[in-house]
Amino acid sequence: MIGQDTIVTVMTEDKISKEYEALLFDVKYDKEQFKDNATIGLLLYRLAKERETSNGLFREIGAKLDRIASLLEKRPMTEQVTSIISDIDQKILAHIQRNGKVDAEEIQSIFQYRGKNAASARLNDLYEKGMLKKGRAGKKVFYWVNAGDEKQTS
C-alpha cells in the first residue's frame, strides 16, 4: 500500500526534476550563446550600463546620508535623544539648559530625591548617554549640556 508521504515525495521529486531540467536547458542554451563574441560584447555593455546606473544611485544615497548627518550634527544633542529618555530625565535636561551647570545636590533638592546618590546616578546616566558633560571643581562634580561641539571621551 502506498502511503500519503510516498505520493507527496514522488510529486516533489518530479517537480524538482522538471525544474532542474528547465534550468539545465537554460544553462546549455547560455553556454552556446557565449561562444558568440557579439553576445559577450552585448552582455558586457549592458553590465557596464547597469554599473553606471547603480553607481549613480549609490552616489545619490551617499549624498542624502551626508545631508542627514550634517542636519543631525547641527541639532543639539538633547533635541536628538529626548524622545528616548524618561520624562524626569527630560525635565533634568531642561533645567540644566536653563541654568547652565548643576551638581547632584541641586538636582536632589529640585527634584526631591531622598539622597544625593539617586540624583548623581541620574546625572551620570545622562553623561554616559552623551547628553551631558561633567567636570570637577574641588569635591563637587558639575554637569552641563553637551552641545555636540565636542565628542564625548569616557
N, C-alpha and C. Protein backbone atom coordinates (compact mmCIF):
# COMPACT_ATOMS: atom_id res chain seq x y z
N MET A 1 0.84 -1.18 0.00
CA MET A 1 0.00 0.00 0.00
C MET A 1 0.89 1.25 0.00
N ILE A 2 0.58 2.18 -0.85
CA ILE A 2 1.35 3.42 -0.97
C ILE A 2 0.76 4.44 -0.01
N GLY A 3 1.65 5.00 0.83
CA GLY A 3 1.19 5.98 1.82
C GLY A 3 1.15 7.39 1.26
N GLN A 4 0.52 8.28 2.01
CA GLN A 4 0.40 9.70 1.62
C GLN A 4 1.78 10.33 1.47
N ASP A 5 2.71 10.01 2.39
CA ASP A 5 4.06 10.57 2.35
C ASP A 5 4.79 10.17 1.07
N THR A 6 4.59 8.93 0.61
CA THR A 6 5.24 8.46 -0.60
C THR A 6 4.75 9.23 -1.81
N ILE A 7 3.46 9.48 -1.90
CA ILE A 7 2.89 10.23 -3.02
C ILE A 7 3.44 11.65 -3.04
N VAL A 8 3.48 12.30 -1.88
CA VAL A 8 4.00 13.67 -1.79
C VAL A 8 5.47 13.70 -2.20
N THR A 9 6.24 12.72 -1.75
CA THR A 9 7.66 12.66 -2.09
C THR A 9 7.86 12.49 -3.59
N VAL A 10 7.09 11.60 -4.23
CA VAL A 10 7.21 11.38 -5.67
C VAL A 10 6.83 12.64 -6.43
N MET A 11 5.75 13.33 -5.98
CA MET A 11 5.32 14.56 -6.65
C MET A 11 6.39 15.65 -6.49
N THR A 12 6.98 15.73 -5.32
CA THR A 12 8.02 16.74 -5.08
C THR A 12 9.24 16.45 -5.92
N GLU A 13 9.64 15.18 -5.98
CA GLU A 13 10.80 14.80 -6.79
C GLU A 13 10.56 15.09 -8.26
N ASP A 14 9.34 14.83 -8.76
CA ASP A 14 9.01 15.14 -10.15
C ASP A 14 9.11 16.64 -10.42
N LYS A 15 8.58 17.43 -9.49
CA LYS A 15 8.61 18.89 -9.65
C LYS A 15 10.06 19.39 -9.66
N ILE A 16 10.86 18.89 -8.74
CA ILE A 16 12.27 19.30 -8.68
C ILE A 16 12.99 18.85 -9.94
N SER A 17 12.71 17.64 -10.40
CA SER A 17 13.34 17.12 -11.61
C SER A 17 13.00 17.99 -12.82
N LYS A 18 11.74 18.40 -12.94
CA LYS A 18 11.34 19.25 -14.07
C LYS A 18 12.01 20.62 -13.98
N GLU A 19 12.07 21.19 -12.77
CA GLU A 19 12.73 22.49 -12.59
C GLU A 19 14.22 22.38 -12.92
N TYR A 20 14.84 21.28 -12.52
CA TYR A 20 16.26 21.06 -12.80
C TYR A 20 16.49 20.94 -14.30
N GLU A 21 15.63 20.21 -14.98
CA GLU A 21 15.77 20.05 -16.43
C GLU A 21 15.62 21.40 -17.14
N ALA A 22 14.67 22.23 -16.68
CA ALA A 22 14.47 23.54 -17.29
C ALA A 22 15.71 24.41 -17.06
N LEU A 23 16.25 24.36 -15.85
CA LEU A 23 17.46 25.13 -15.54
C LEU A 23 18.65 24.63 -16.36
N LEU A 24 18.77 23.33 -16.48
CA LEU A 24 19.86 22.75 -17.26
C LEU A 24 19.75 23.15 -18.72
N PHE A 25 18.53 23.21 -19.25
CA PHE A 25 18.33 23.64 -20.62
C PHE A 25 18.80 25.08 -20.79
N ASP A 26 18.42 25.97 -19.83
CA ASP A 26 18.84 27.37 -19.89
C ASP A 26 20.36 27.49 -19.86
N VAL A 27 21.00 26.70 -19.03
CA VAL A 27 22.46 26.75 -18.92
C VAL A 27 23.10 26.29 -20.23
N LYS A 28 22.59 25.23 -20.80
CA LYS A 28 23.13 24.74 -22.07
C LYS A 28 22.94 25.78 -23.17
N TYR A 29 21.76 26.42 -23.19
CA TYR A 29 21.48 27.45 -24.19
C TYR A 29 22.46 28.63 -24.02
N ASP A 30 22.62 29.07 -22.77
CA ASP A 30 23.54 30.18 -22.49
C ASP A 30 24.97 29.82 -22.87
N LYS A 31 25.35 28.59 -22.62
CA LYS A 31 26.71 28.15 -22.96
C LYS A 31 26.94 28.26 -24.46
N GLU A 32 25.95 27.90 -25.24
CA GLU A 32 26.07 28.01 -26.70
C GLU A 32 26.14 29.48 -27.12
N GLN A 33 25.33 30.32 -26.49
CA GLN A 33 25.30 31.74 -26.84
C GLN A 33 26.62 32.44 -26.51
N PHE A 34 27.29 32.02 -25.44
CA PHE A 34 28.53 32.67 -25.01
C PHE A 34 29.69 32.38 -25.95
N LYS A 35 29.48 31.49 -26.88
CA LYS A 35 30.54 31.25 -27.87
C LYS A 35 30.59 32.38 -28.89
N ASP A 36 29.51 33.13 -28.99
CA ASP A 36 29.42 34.23 -29.94
C ASP A 36 29.98 35.50 -29.29
N ASN A 37 31.01 36.09 -29.90
CA ASN A 37 31.66 37.28 -29.36
C ASN A 37 30.71 38.47 -29.30
N ALA A 38 29.79 38.58 -30.23
CA ALA A 38 28.84 39.70 -30.22
C ALA A 38 27.94 39.61 -28.99
N THR A 39 27.54 38.41 -28.61
CA THR A 39 26.71 38.23 -27.42
C THR A 39 27.48 38.63 -26.17
N ILE A 40 28.71 38.21 -26.09
CA ILE A 40 29.55 38.56 -24.94
C ILE A 40 29.75 40.07 -24.87
N GLY A 41 29.99 40.70 -26.01
CA GLY A 41 30.15 42.15 -26.04
C GLY A 41 28.89 42.87 -25.60
N LEU A 42 27.73 42.39 -26.03
CA LEU A 42 26.45 42.99 -25.65
C LEU A 42 26.23 42.85 -24.14
N LEU A 43 26.53 41.68 -23.61
CA LEU A 43 26.37 41.47 -22.17
C LEU A 43 27.31 42.38 -21.37
N LEU A 44 28.54 42.52 -21.82
CA LEU A 44 29.48 43.40 -21.13
C LEU A 44 29.03 44.86 -21.20
N TYR A 45 28.49 45.28 -22.34
CA TYR A 45 27.97 46.63 -22.48
C TYR A 45 26.81 46.86 -21.50
N ARG A 46 25.87 45.90 -21.46
CA ARG A 46 24.74 46.04 -20.54
C ARG A 46 25.20 46.05 -19.09
N LEU A 47 26.21 45.25 -18.78
CA LEU A 47 26.77 45.22 -17.43
C LEU A 47 27.38 46.57 -17.07
N ALA A 48 28.10 47.17 -18.01
CA ALA A 48 28.72 48.47 -17.77
C ALA A 48 27.64 49.54 -17.55
N LYS A 49 26.59 49.51 -18.36
CA LYS A 49 25.49 50.48 -18.20
C LYS A 49 24.80 50.30 -16.85
N GLU A 50 24.58 49.05 -16.46
CA GLU A 50 23.93 48.78 -15.17
C GLU A 50 24.82 49.26 -14.02
N ARG A 51 26.11 49.08 -14.18
CA ARG A 51 27.05 49.55 -13.15
C ARG A 51 26.99 51.08 -13.04
N GLU A 52 26.92 51.78 -14.17
CA GLU A 52 26.80 53.24 -14.14
C GLU A 52 25.54 53.66 -13.39
N THR A 53 24.45 52.99 -13.68
CA THR A 53 23.18 53.31 -13.01
C THR A 53 23.28 53.05 -11.52
N SER A 54 23.83 51.90 -11.15
CA SER A 54 23.98 51.56 -9.73
C SER A 54 24.88 52.56 -9.02
N ASN A 55 26.00 52.92 -9.64
CA ASN A 55 26.91 53.88 -9.03
C ASN A 55 26.24 55.24 -8.84
N GLY A 56 25.42 55.64 -9.80
CA GLY A 56 24.67 56.89 -9.67
C GLY A 56 23.71 56.84 -8.48
N LEU A 57 23.03 55.71 -8.33
CA LEU A 57 22.12 55.56 -7.19
C LEU A 57 22.89 55.59 -5.88
N PHE A 58 24.04 54.92 -5.84
CA PHE A 58 24.85 54.93 -4.62
C PHE A 58 25.34 56.33 -4.29
N ARG A 59 25.71 57.11 -5.31
CA ARG A 59 26.13 58.49 -5.07
C ARG A 59 24.99 59.31 -4.49
N GLU A 60 23.78 59.13 -5.04
CA GLU A 60 22.61 59.85 -4.52
C GLU A 60 22.34 59.47 -3.07
N ILE A 61 22.39 58.19 -2.78
CA ILE A 61 22.16 57.72 -1.41
C ILE A 61 23.22 58.29 -0.48
N GLY A 62 24.48 58.26 -0.91
CA GLY A 62 25.56 58.81 -0.10
C GLY A 62 25.38 60.30 0.17
N ALA A 63 24.97 61.04 -0.85
CA ALA A 63 24.75 62.47 -0.68
C ALA A 63 23.61 62.73 0.30
N LYS A 64 22.54 61.95 0.21
CA LYS A 64 21.42 62.11 1.13
C LYS A 64 21.83 61.77 2.56
N LEU A 65 22.61 60.71 2.72
CA LEU A 65 23.09 60.36 4.06
C LEU A 65 24.00 61.44 4.63
N ASP A 66 24.85 62.02 3.78
CA ASP A 66 25.70 63.13 4.23
C ASP A 66 24.86 64.31 4.68
N ARG A 67 23.80 64.61 3.92
CA ARG A 67 22.93 65.73 4.27
C ARG A 67 22.21 65.46 5.59
N ILE A 68 21.75 64.24 5.79
CA ILE A 68 21.10 63.87 7.05
C ILE A 68 22.08 63.99 8.20
N ALA A 69 23.30 63.50 8.00
CA ALA A 69 24.32 63.58 9.06
C ALA A 69 24.62 65.02 9.42
N SER A 70 24.73 65.90 8.42
CA SER A 70 25.03 67.30 8.73
C SER A 70 23.87 67.96 9.46
N LEU A 71 22.64 67.60 9.11
CA LEU A 71 21.48 68.15 9.83
C LEU A 71 21.46 67.67 11.28
N LEU A 72 21.80 66.40 11.49
CA LEU A 72 21.82 65.88 12.85
C LEU A 72 22.93 66.52 13.67
N GLU A 73 24.06 66.80 13.04
CA GLU A 73 25.16 67.43 13.76
C GLU A 73 24.80 68.84 14.20
N LYS A 74 23.95 69.52 13.43
CA LYS A 74 23.57 70.89 13.76
C LYS A 74 22.58 70.94 14.92
N ARG A 75 21.80 69.88 15.12
CA ARG A 75 20.83 69.85 16.21
C ARG A 75 21.55 69.62 17.53
N PRO A 76 21.12 70.25 18.59
CA PRO A 76 21.72 69.96 19.90
C PRO A 76 21.49 68.51 20.26
N MET A 77 22.44 67.93 20.96
CA MET A 77 22.37 66.52 21.34
C MET A 77 21.08 66.23 22.11
N THR A 78 20.68 67.13 22.98
CA THR A 78 19.49 66.87 23.79
C THR A 78 18.25 66.79 22.93
N GLU A 79 18.17 67.56 21.86
CA GLU A 79 17.00 67.52 20.99
C GLU A 79 16.92 66.19 20.26
N GLN A 80 18.08 65.60 19.94
CA GLN A 80 18.12 64.35 19.19
C GLN A 80 17.59 63.19 20.01
N VAL A 81 17.84 63.18 21.31
CA VAL A 81 17.56 61.99 22.09
C VAL A 81 16.49 62.15 23.15
N THR A 82 15.88 63.30 23.25
CA THR A 82 14.88 63.47 24.31
C THR A 82 13.70 62.53 24.13
N SER A 83 13.46 62.06 22.94
CA SER A 83 12.33 61.16 22.74
C SER A 83 12.62 59.76 23.27
N ILE A 84 13.87 59.44 23.58
CA ILE A 84 14.20 58.09 24.05
C ILE A 84 14.59 58.07 25.52
N ILE A 85 14.37 59.15 26.22
CA ILE A 85 14.68 59.17 27.64
C ILE A 85 13.41 59.43 28.44
N SER A 86 13.48 59.14 29.72
CA SER A 86 12.30 59.28 30.58
C SER A 86 11.90 60.74 30.75
N ASP A 87 10.69 60.93 31.23
CA ASP A 87 10.18 62.29 31.47
C ASP A 87 11.04 63.03 32.48
N ILE A 88 11.43 62.34 33.56
CA ILE A 88 12.23 63.01 34.58
C ILE A 88 13.59 63.43 34.03
N ASP A 89 14.18 62.58 33.17
CA ASP A 89 15.46 62.94 32.55
C ASP A 89 15.27 64.14 31.62
N GLN A 90 14.15 64.20 30.92
CA GLN A 90 13.88 65.36 30.07
C GLN A 90 13.74 66.63 30.91
N LYS A 91 13.09 66.51 32.07
CA LYS A 91 12.96 67.67 32.96
C LYS A 91 14.31 68.10 33.50
N ILE A 92 15.15 67.13 33.84
CA ILE A 92 16.50 67.46 34.34
C ILE A 92 17.29 68.18 33.25
N LEU A 93 17.22 67.67 32.02
CA LEU A 93 17.93 68.31 30.91
C LEU A 93 17.42 69.72 30.67
N ALA A 94 16.12 69.90 30.73
CA ALA A 94 15.55 71.23 30.52
C ALA A 94 16.03 72.19 31.61
N HIS A 95 16.08 71.71 32.84
CA HIS A 95 16.58 72.54 33.95
C HIS A 95 18.04 72.93 33.72
N ILE A 96 18.84 71.97 33.30
CA ILE A 96 20.26 72.25 33.08
C ILE A 96 20.43 73.22 31.92
N GLN A 97 19.61 73.08 30.88
CA GLN A 97 19.70 74.01 29.75
C GLN A 97 19.37 75.43 30.19
N ARG A 98 18.39 75.58 31.07
CA ARG A 98 18.02 76.91 31.55
C ARG A 98 19.07 77.51 32.48
N ASN A 99 19.69 76.67 33.30
CA ASN A 99 20.54 77.18 34.38
C ASN A 99 22.04 76.96 34.18
N GLY A 100 22.43 76.30 33.13
CA GLY A 100 23.86 76.06 32.92
C GLY A 100 24.33 74.86 33.72
N LYS A 101 25.36 75.06 34.54
CA LYS A 101 25.93 73.95 35.30
C LYS A 101 25.11 73.65 36.54
N VAL A 102 25.01 72.33 36.85
CA VAL A 102 24.35 71.89 38.08
C VAL A 102 25.19 70.80 38.73
N ASP A 103 24.91 70.56 40.00
CA ASP A 103 25.53 69.42 40.67
C ASP A 103 24.43 68.53 41.23
N ALA A 104 24.82 67.38 41.79
CA ALA A 104 23.84 66.40 42.26
C ALA A 104 22.99 66.96 43.40
N GLU A 105 23.57 67.79 44.27
CA GLU A 105 22.79 68.35 45.38
C GLU A 105 21.66 69.24 44.86
N GLU A 106 21.93 70.01 43.84
CA GLU A 106 20.89 70.88 43.28
C GLU A 106 19.76 70.05 42.68
N ILE A 107 20.12 69.00 41.93
CA ILE A 107 19.11 68.13 41.33
C ILE A 107 18.33 67.41 42.43
N GLN A 108 19.03 66.98 43.48
CA GLN A 108 18.36 66.33 44.62
C GLN A 108 17.32 67.27 45.22
N SER A 109 17.68 68.50 45.41
CA SER A 109 16.79 69.48 46.03
C SER A 109 15.59 69.80 45.13
N ILE A 110 15.85 70.07 43.87
CA ILE A 110 14.79 70.50 42.95
C ILE A 110 13.81 69.36 42.65
N PHE A 111 14.36 68.15 42.43
CA PHE A 111 13.51 67.03 42.03
C PHE A 111 13.15 66.12 43.20
N GLN A 112 13.46 66.57 44.41
CA GLN A 112 13.07 65.92 45.66
C GLN A 112 13.50 64.46 45.76
N TYR A 113 14.76 64.20 45.42
CA TYR A 113 15.32 62.88 45.65
C TYR A 113 15.65 62.76 47.13
N ARG A 114 15.55 61.56 47.68
CA ARG A 114 15.84 61.36 49.10
C ARG A 114 17.32 61.52 49.40
N GLY A 115 18.15 61.07 48.46
CA GLY A 115 19.58 61.16 48.68
C GLY A 115 20.30 61.71 47.47
N LYS A 116 21.53 62.12 47.71
CA LYS A 116 22.34 62.67 46.62
C LYS A 116 22.73 61.59 45.62
N ASN A 117 22.83 60.34 46.08
CA ASN A 117 23.25 59.25 45.20
C ASN A 117 22.27 59.04 44.04
N ALA A 118 20.97 59.15 44.30
CA ALA A 118 19.98 58.96 43.24
C ALA A 118 20.12 60.06 42.18
N ALA A 119 20.30 61.30 42.64
CA ALA A 119 20.47 62.41 41.70
C ALA A 119 21.77 62.24 40.92
N SER A 120 22.82 61.84 41.62
CA SER A 120 24.12 61.63 40.97
C SER A 120 24.03 60.51 39.93
N ALA A 121 23.29 59.45 40.25
CA ALA A 121 23.14 58.34 39.31
C ALA A 121 22.41 58.79 38.04
N ARG A 122 21.36 59.61 38.21
CA ARG A 122 20.63 60.16 37.05
C ARG A 122 21.56 60.98 36.17
N LEU A 123 22.31 61.87 36.80
CA LEU A 123 23.22 62.73 36.05
C LEU A 123 24.30 61.91 35.34
N ASN A 124 24.85 60.94 36.03
CA ASN A 124 25.87 60.08 35.41
C ASN A 124 25.31 59.30 34.24
N ASP A 125 24.05 58.85 34.36
CA ASP A 125 23.42 58.13 33.26
C ASP A 125 23.29 59.03 32.03
N LEU A 126 22.89 60.28 32.25
CA LEU A 126 22.78 61.23 31.14
C LEU A 126 24.16 61.53 30.57
N TYR A 127 25.17 61.56 31.41
CA TYR A 127 26.54 61.77 30.95
C TYR A 127 26.98 60.58 30.08
N GLU A 128 26.69 59.37 30.55
CA GLU A 128 27.07 58.17 29.79
C GLU A 128 26.38 58.10 28.44
N LYS A 129 25.18 58.64 28.36
CA LYS A 129 24.45 58.66 27.09
C LYS A 129 24.96 59.76 26.16
N GLY A 130 25.90 60.59 26.65
CA GLY A 130 26.49 61.64 25.83
C GLY A 130 25.69 62.92 25.81
N MET A 131 24.71 63.04 26.68
CA MET A 131 23.86 64.23 26.68
C MET A 131 24.41 65.33 27.59
N LEU A 132 25.23 64.94 28.54
CA LEU A 132 25.83 65.91 29.46
C LEU A 132 27.34 65.78 29.43
N LYS A 133 27.99 66.85 29.80
CA LYS A 133 29.42 66.84 30.06
C LYS A 133 29.56 67.02 31.56
N LYS A 134 30.72 66.63 32.09
CA LYS A 134 30.92 66.83 33.52
C LYS A 134 32.35 67.25 33.80
N GLY A 135 32.48 67.93 34.90
CA GLY A 135 33.79 68.39 35.34
C GLY A 135 33.79 68.54 36.84
N ARG A 136 34.97 68.48 37.42
CA ARG A 136 35.11 68.53 38.86
C ARG A 136 35.66 69.89 39.27
N ALA A 137 35.11 70.44 40.34
CA ALA A 137 35.62 71.67 40.95
C ALA A 137 35.75 71.36 42.44
N GLY A 138 36.94 71.02 42.84
CA GLY A 138 37.14 70.57 44.22
C GLY A 138 36.49 69.22 44.41
N LYS A 139 35.63 69.12 45.41
CA LYS A 139 34.93 67.86 45.66
C LYS A 139 33.63 67.74 44.89
N LYS A 140 33.15 68.84 44.36
CA LYS A 140 31.88 68.83 43.64
C LYS A 140 32.08 68.46 42.18
N VAL A 141 31.12 67.71 41.65
CA VAL A 141 31.09 67.35 40.23
C VAL A 141 29.93 68.12 39.60
N PHE A 142 30.25 68.89 38.59
CA PHE A 142 29.24 69.69 37.89
C PHE A 142 28.93 69.07 36.55
N TYR A 143 27.69 69.24 36.12
CA TYR A 143 27.22 68.72 34.84
C TYR A 143 26.64 69.87 34.05
N TRP A 144 26.83 69.83 32.72
CA TRP A 144 26.23 70.81 31.82
C TRP A 144 25.90 70.12 30.51
N VAL A 145 25.06 70.74 29.72
CA VAL A 145 24.55 70.13 28.48
C VAL A 145 25.68 69.99 27.47
N ASN A 146 25.75 68.82 26.86
CA ASN A 146 26.69 68.57 25.77
C ASN A 146 26.07 69.12 24.50
N ALA A 147 26.59 70.24 24.04
CA ALA A 147 26.02 70.90 22.86
C ALA A 147 26.37 70.19 21.56
N GLY A 148 27.18 69.13 21.64
CA GLY A 148 27.53 68.38 20.44
C GLY A 148 28.72 68.92 19.70
N ASP A 149 29.37 69.97 20.21
CA ASP A 149 30.53 70.53 19.53
C ASP A 149 31.78 69.72 19.79
N GLU A 150 31.80 68.95 20.85
CA GLU A 150 32.94 68.08 21.15
C GLU A 150 32.44 66.66 21.29
N LYS A 151 33.30 65.71 21.00
CA LYS A 151 32.95 64.32 21.14
C LYS A 151 33.17 63.91 22.60
N GLN A 152 32.31 63.02 23.08
CA GLN A 152 32.40 62.53 24.44
C GLN A 152 33.60 61.59 24.54
N THR A 153 34.38 61.71 25.58
CA THR A 153 35.53 60.82 25.78
C THR A 153 35.44 60.21 27.16
N SER A 154 34.82 59.05 27.26
CA SER A 154 34.78 58.34 28.53
C SER A 154 34.76 56.86 28.28
